[in-house]
Amino acid sequence: MGSGKTTVGQALASRLGWSYIDNDDLVEESVGVTKASLVEAQGAAGLRAAEAQALRLAIRRPGPLVAGVAAGVVLDPDDAAPLEDPPDDV
């Protein structure tokens, strides 16, 4: 948190003329609650699971777009794999 992902993502999207979607919005869309509510109810493990869902949701979005996703998704091979080899239907 606080590393500038949103700022860089928004600037990149603006420069490319693409839309930008933020991890917080993707998490809320995928699980129906805010990150703060999720952490309060389910802790860090619940948040990480929701961030993985948010990543998959972003990958399935029609593009082009820039998606700000949680940095921790690259630590899980199941989450990192679609970043290396996105689905053919995207």
Protein backbone atom coordinates (compact mmCIF):
# COMPACT_ATOMS: atom_id res chain seq x y z
CA MET A 1 0.00 0.00 0.00
CA GLY A 2 1.11 3.52 -0.68
CA SER A 3 3.61 2.61 -3.37
CA GLY A 4 1.88 4.65 -6.07
CA LYS A 5 0.13 1.89 -8.06
CA THR A 6 -3.04 3.96 -8.47
CA THR A 7 -1.18 7.13 -9.42
CA VAL A 8 0.96 5.33 -11.99
CA GLY A 9 -2.00 3.30 -13.27
CA GLN A 10 -4.15 6.39 -13.76
CA ALA A 11 -1.31 8.26 -15.48
CA LEU A 12 -0.61 5.32 -17.79
CA ALA A 13 -4.28 4.90 -18.65
CA SER A 14 -4.57 8.62 -19.37
CA ARG A 15 -1.53 8.58 -21.60
CA LEU A 16 -2.82 5.56 -23.52
CA GLY A 17 -6.38 6.85 -23.71
CA TRP A 18 -7.63 3.71 -21.94
CA SER A 19 -9.87 3.33 -18.91
CA TYR A 20 -8.48 2.58 -15.46
CA ILE A 21 -9.95 0.28 -12.82
CA ASP A 22 -8.55 0.16 -9.30
CA ASN A 23 -8.05 -2.87 -7.08
CA ASP A 24 -10.31 -1.46 -4.36
CA ASP A 25 -13.18 -1.16 -6.86
CA LEU A 26 -12.51 -4.63 -8.26
CA VAL A 27 -12.47 -6.15 -4.76
CA GLU A 28 -15.74 -4.46 -3.86
CA GLU A 29 -17.30 -5.59 -7.14
CA SER A 30 -16.13 -9.18 -6.73
CA VAL A 31 -17.15 -9.69 -3.07
CA GLY A 32 -19.75 -6.99 -2.52
CA VAL A 33 -18.08 -5.23 0.41
CA THR A 34 -15.30 -2.70 0.87
CA LYS A 35 -11.76 -3.84 1.63
CA ALA A 36 -12.02 -2.38 5.13
CA SER A 37 -15.21 -4.33 5.86
CA LEU A 38 -13.69 -7.46 4.41
CA VAL A 39 -10.56 -7.21 6.56
CA GLU A 40 -12.66 -6.59 9.64
CA ALA A 41 -14.84 -9.64 8.96
CA GLN A 42 -12.33 -12.08 7.47
CA GLY A 43 -8.86 -10.76 8.18
CA ALA A 44 -5.86 -10.75 5.87
CA ALA A 45 -6.63 -14.20 4.42
CA GLY A 46 -10.07 -13.03 3.29
CA LEU A 47 -8.56 -9.94 1.74
CA ARG A 48 -5.95 -11.95 -0.17
CA ALA A 49 -8.64 -14.29 -1.52
CA ALA A 50 -10.73 -11.30 -2.63
CA GLU A 51 -7.71 -9.69 -4.29
CA ALA A 52 -7.15 -12.90 -6.25
CA GLN A 53 -10.80 -12.78 -7.36
CA ALA A 54 -10.34 -9.12 -8.29
CA LEU A 55 -7.36 -10.01 -10.47
CA ARG A 56 -9.39 -12.63 -12.34
CA LEU A 57 -12.20 -10.11 -12.76
CA ALA A 58 -9.78 -7.55 -14.21
CA ILE A 59 -8.33 -10.08 -16.65
CA ARG A 60 -11.81 -10.90 -17.95
CA ARG A 61 -12.72 -7.24 -18.50
CA PRO A 62 -12.91 -6.13 -22.11
CA GLY A 63 -9.99 -3.92 -22.95
CA PRO A 64 -7.94 -2.20 -23.54
CA LEU A 65 -7.63 -1.04 -19.96
CA VAL A 66 -5.14 -0.55 -17.18
CA ALA A 67 -5.98 -2.40 -13.97
CA GLY A 68 -4.39 -1.64 -10.65
CA VAL A 69 -4.28 -4.93 -8.77
CA ALA A 70 -2.83 -5.90 -5.43
CA ALA A 71 0.93 -6.32 -5.59
CA GLY A 72 0.76 -9.50 -3.53
CA VAL A 73 -0.97 -11.44 -6.31
CA VAL A 74 2.41 -12.11 -7.92
CA LEU A 75 3.44 -14.13 -4.85
CA ASP A 76 0.87 -16.86 -5.56
CA PRO A 77 1.69 -18.95 -8.64
CA ASP A 78 -2.03 -19.50 -9.33
CA ASP A 79 -2.55 -15.73 -9.46
CA ALA A 80 0.65 -14.92 -11.34
CA ALA A 81 0.01 -17.49 -14.10
CA PRO A 82 -2.80 -15.56 -15.86
CA LEU A 83 -0.57 -12.49 -15.94
CA GLU A 84 2.02 -14.46 -17.88
CA ASP A 85 -0.46 -16.28 -20.13
CA PRO A 86 -3.87 -14.53 -20.25
CA PRO A 87 -6.90 -16.47 -21.53
CA ASP A 88 -7.33 -16.59 -25.31
CA ASP A 89 -10.80 -15.08 -25.17
CA VAL A 90 -9.60 -11.80 -23.65
